[in-house]
Protein backbone atom coordinates (compact mmCIF):
# COMPACT_ATOMS: atom_id res chain seq x y z
CA MET A 1 60.94 110.15 274.54
CA ARG A 2 59.74 109.45 278.06
CA ILE A 3 61.03 112.10 280.46
CA LEU A 4 61.32 112.11 284.25
CA LEU A 5 60.93 115.70 285.49
CA ILE A 6 62.06 116.30 289.08
CA GLU A 7 61.13 119.83 290.17
CA ASP A 8 59.80 121.05 293.54
CA ASN A 9 58.37 124.28 292.09
CA ARG A 10 54.93 122.93 291.21
CA LEU A 11 53.91 125.79 288.90
CA LEU A 12 57.14 125.54 286.94
CA ALA A 13 56.84 121.74 286.81
CA ILE A 14 53.29 121.93 285.45
CA SER A 15 54.10 124.53 282.80
CA THR A 16 57.26 122.68 281.71
CA ALA A 17 55.43 119.35 281.52
CA ARG A 18 52.65 120.90 279.42
CA SER A 19 55.13 122.36 276.96
CA LEU A 20 57.00 119.06 276.66
CA THR A 21 53.77 117.11 276.22
CA ALA A 22 52.73 119.51 273.44
CA SER A 23 56.02 118.60 271.73
CA ARG A 24 55.13 114.89 271.95
CA PHE A 25 57.22 113.96 274.95
CA THR A 26 55.77 111.71 277.64
CA VAL A 27 56.45 113.34 281.02
CA ASP A 28 56.28 111.98 284.57
CA VAL A 29 56.54 114.74 287.20
CA PHE A 30 57.76 114.28 290.78
CA HIS A 31 58.46 116.92 293.40
CA THR A 32 60.47 115.00 296.02
CA VAL A 33 63.65 112.94 296.00
CA ALA A 34 61.92 109.91 297.53
CA ASP A 35 59.16 109.76 294.92
CA ALA A 36 61.54 110.52 292.06
CA TRP A 37 63.95 107.79 293.14
CA GLU A 38 61.22 105.16 293.24
CA ALA A 39 60.10 106.11 289.73
CA TRP A 40 63.63 106.33 288.31
CA ASN A 41 64.61 102.97 289.77
CA THR A 42 61.58 101.17 288.35
CA THR A 43 60.82 102.89 285.03
CA PRO A 44 63.01 103.06 281.90
CA TYR A 45 63.25 106.76 281.09
CA ASP A 46 64.96 108.25 278.04
CA ALA A 47 66.11 111.35 279.94
CA VAL A 48 65.84 113.01 283.35
CA ILE A 49 65.38 116.72 284.03
CA LEU A 50 66.71 117.31 287.51
CA ASP A 51 66.34 120.44 289.64
CA LEU A 52 69.15 120.77 292.18
CA MET A 53 67.35 122.45 295.07
CA LEU A 54 64.57 120.07 296.13
CA GLY A 55 63.41 121.40 299.48
CA GLU A 56 65.77 120.09 302.13
CA ASP A 57 67.33 117.66 299.67
CA HIS A 58 69.91 118.27 296.96
CA GLY A 59 69.47 116.93 293.46
CA LEU A 60 73.13 115.95 293.20
CA ASP A 61 72.67 113.43 295.99
CA LEU A 62 69.90 111.78 293.97
CA LEU A 63 72.10 111.88 290.88
CA SER A 64 74.98 110.21 292.74
CA GLN A 65 72.61 107.55 294.08
CA ALA A 66 71.36 106.81 290.57
CA ARG A 67 74.84 106.53 289.09
CA GLN A 68 75.98 104.26 291.93
CA ALA A 69 72.98 102.05 291.16
CA ALA A 70 74.17 101.85 287.52
CA LEU A 71 71.24 103.90 286.17
CA THR A 72 72.68 105.34 282.97
CA THR A 73 69.75 107.58 281.96
CA PRO A 74 70.98 110.90 280.50
CA VAL A 75 70.45 113.70 283.03
CA LEU A 76 69.91 117.37 282.26
CA VAL A 77 70.38 119.51 285.36
CA LEU A 78 67.98 122.44 285.50
CA THR A 79 68.82 124.97 288.19
CA ALA A 80 69.17 128.60 289.23
CA LEU A 81 72.76 127.92 290.35
CA ALA A 82 74.70 129.55 287.53
CA GLU A 83 78.28 129.62 288.85
CA ILE A 84 80.90 127.65 286.93
CA ASP A 85 81.81 125.69 290.07
CA ASP A 86 78.18 124.57 290.41
CA ARG A 87 78.13 123.37 286.81
CA VAL A 88 81.43 121.53 287.15
CA ARG A 89 80.23 119.86 290.35
CA GLY A 90 77.09 118.63 288.61
CA LEU A 91 78.97 117.27 285.61
CA ASP A 92 81.49 115.56 287.88
CA ARG A 93 78.65 113.84 289.75
CA GLY A 94 77.24 112.34 286.56
CA ALA A 95 75.12 114.99 284.80
CA ASP A 96 75.14 115.01 281.00
CA ASP A 97 73.98 118.57 280.38
CA TYR A 98 73.21 121.76 282.30
CA LEU A 99 70.60 124.49 281.76
CA VAL A 100 70.30 127.57 283.98
CA LYS A 101 66.97 129.09 285.04
CA PRO A 102 65.26 131.05 283.66
CA PHE A 103 65.37 129.10 280.43
CA ALA A 104 63.67 129.03 277.04
CA ILE A 105 61.47 125.97 276.58
CA ASP A 106 62.67 125.61 272.97
CA GLU A 107 66.25 125.26 274.19
CA LEU A 108 65.21 122.68 276.77
CA ILE A 109 63.44 120.66 274.07
CA ALA A 110 66.45 120.88 271.75
CA ARG A 111 68.79 119.71 274.49
CA LEU A 112 66.51 116.77 275.35
CA ARG A 113 66.40 115.70 271.74
CA ALA A 114 70.18 115.93 271.56
CA LEU A 115 70.46 113.71 274.63
CA GLY A 116 68.08 111.26 273.02
CA ARG A 117 70.35 110.98 269.99
CA ARG A 118 73.37 110.04 272.09
CA PRO A 119 74.28 106.42 272.73
CA GLU A 120 73.01 105.66 276.24
CA GLN A 121 76.55 104.99 277.40
CA MET A 122 79.53 104.85 275.06
CA VAL A 123 81.27 102.46 277.46
CA ASP A 124 78.20 100.25 277.34
CA ALA A 125 78.18 99.82 273.56
CA ILE A 126 78.41 96.07 274.23
CA LEU A 127 75.83 94.88 276.76
CA THR A 128 76.29 91.50 278.41
CA LEU A 129 73.66 89.38 280.11
CA GLY A 130 74.64 85.89 281.15
CA SER A 131 76.45 84.28 278.21
CA VAL A 132 74.79 86.53 275.63
CA GLN A 133 76.10 89.85 274.31
CA TYR A 134 74.31 92.64 272.48
CA ASP A 135 76.16 95.17 270.32
CA VAL A 136 74.03 98.32 270.53
CA ALA A 137 75.49 100.10 267.49
CA ALA A 138 75.46 97.05 265.20
CA GLN A 139 72.16 95.71 266.61
CA MET A 140 73.93 92.36 266.81
CA LEU A 141 73.02 89.62 269.30
CA SER A 142 75.75 87.05 270.01
CA GLY A 143 75.85 83.83 272.00
CA PRO A 144 77.54 80.43 272.18
CA LYS A 145 75.70 79.21 269.05
CA GLY A 146 76.35 82.23 266.84
CA GLN A 147 75.12 85.72 266.18
CA VAL A 148 72.21 87.48 264.48
CA THR A 149 71.36 91.02 263.41
CA LEU A 150 68.11 92.26 264.93
CA SER A 151 65.39 94.43 263.48
CA ARG A 152 64.87 97.92 264.94
CA ALA A 153 61.90 96.76 267.03
CA GLU A 154 63.72 93.65 268.25
CA SER A 155 66.74 95.81 269.13
CA MET A 156 64.68 98.21 271.24
CA VAL A 157 63.17 95.31 273.18
CA ILE A 158 66.48 93.50 273.70
CA GLU A 159 68.23 96.68 274.86
CA ARG A 160 65.45 97.37 277.39
CA PHE A 161 65.76 93.90 278.84
CA PHE A 162 69.56 93.87 278.90
CA ARG A 163 69.73 97.24 280.66
CA ARG A 164 67.06 96.19 283.15
CA SER A 165 67.99 92.56 283.77
CA GLU A 166 66.17 90.90 286.66
CA ARG A 167 63.75 93.88 286.77
CA VAL A 168 60.22 93.95 285.43
CA VAL A 169 59.49 95.80 282.19
CA SER A 170 55.78 96.45 281.82
CA LYS A 171 53.82 96.11 278.58
CA ALA A 172 53.08 99.83 278.72
CA GLN A 173 56.79 100.67 278.98
CA LEU A 174 57.60 98.48 275.98
CA GLY A 175 54.73 99.93 274.03
CA GLU A 176 55.79 103.50 274.73
CA ALA A 177 59.35 102.69 273.69
CA LEU A 178 58.20 101.11 270.43
CA HIS A 179 55.53 103.65 269.51
CA PRO A 180 56.45 106.96 271.21
CA LEU A 181 54.51 109.15 268.79
CA GLU A 182 51.27 107.16 268.63
CA GLY A 183 51.01 106.81 272.41
CA HIS A 184 49.38 103.39 272.06
CA TYR A 185 50.25 99.87 270.98
CA SER A 186 48.64 96.57 270.13
CA GLU A 187 49.04 93.91 272.80
CA ASN A 188 48.89 91.28 270.07
CA SER A 189 51.74 92.90 268.10
CA LEU A 190 53.78 93.16 271.30
CA HIS A 191 53.15 89.49 272.07
CA ILE A 192 54.35 88.55 268.58
CA LEU A 193 57.45 90.72 268.97
CA ILE A 194 58.34 89.13 272.31
CA HIS A 195 57.95 85.71 270.67
CA ARG A 196 60.39 86.76 267.94
CA VAL A 197 62.90 88.03 270.50
CA ARG A 198 62.70 84.75 272.40
CA ARG A 199 63.45 82.88 269.16
CA ARG A 200 66.45 85.14 268.56
CA LEU A 201 67.78 84.39 272.03
CA ALA A 202 67.24 80.68 271.55
CA GLY A 203 68.99 80.84 268.18
CA VAL A 204 72.24 82.26 269.59
CA GLY A 205 72.17 79.95 272.60
CA GLY A 206 73.15 81.07 276.05
CA ASN A 207 71.28 81.21 279.32
CA VAL A 208 69.01 84.24 278.94
CA SER A 209 65.24 83.90 278.86
CA ILE A 210 62.30 86.31 278.90
CA GLN A 211 59.57 85.37 281.35
CA ALA A 212 56.01 86.70 281.23
CA LEU A 213 54.49 87.92 284.48
CA ARG A 214 50.74 87.70 284.05
CA GLY A 215 49.07 91.09 284.24
CA ILE A 216 52.39 92.87 284.92
CA GLY A 217 54.84 92.55 282.04
CA TYR A 218 58.08 90.72 281.32
CA ILE A 219 61.46 90.10 282.94
CA ALA A 220 64.78 88.93 281.50
CA THR A 221 66.49 86.34 283.66
CA VAL A 222 69.72 84.36 283.56
CA THR A 223 69.48 80.67 284.31
CA PRO A 224 72.35 78.89 286.07
């Protein structure tokens, strides 16, 4: 899992990131709302750990901004605010889980893994891009010319592109999604996989294509 950790206490952020990395998570750490927003809006994370008190800013404002921008990443709020009203407010604003400081790192890891097992959004079980649909649970791609069941690797790639349509997905991001434990990937194997996904899209018809951006990555676009 790739985790976005937003925490203004630098010592706590460093120690938490080290513990998560030791448990084979990939962790990006940011201390300010501005930097965290730029990362969240451009990188496909599997979960976000969000502190509420970020200097003069409030984490719930960032959470609201993300949800309004249709970013569906699961969010675990990590905060010293322990009152029930604070928890309810966070959940109402779009948080998926809540952990009060001080916390046990083992519990944090368990909660992250639980978030990673959830469907990204139950209401988004069917993703639509142009005239093509993707059924997340069934791993089924459908278009005007028919439908096809995808392999696990093909499914992970298609879901990334459908959830980030018209936005660039880098080779590194795809590689980390496909091989989270190894921490590396073969560019040749990724190129072959993208070729297979393009053939799947062509087979079901529709107006979705995957374009390569030299030296950057790929982007899924809808043609008129």
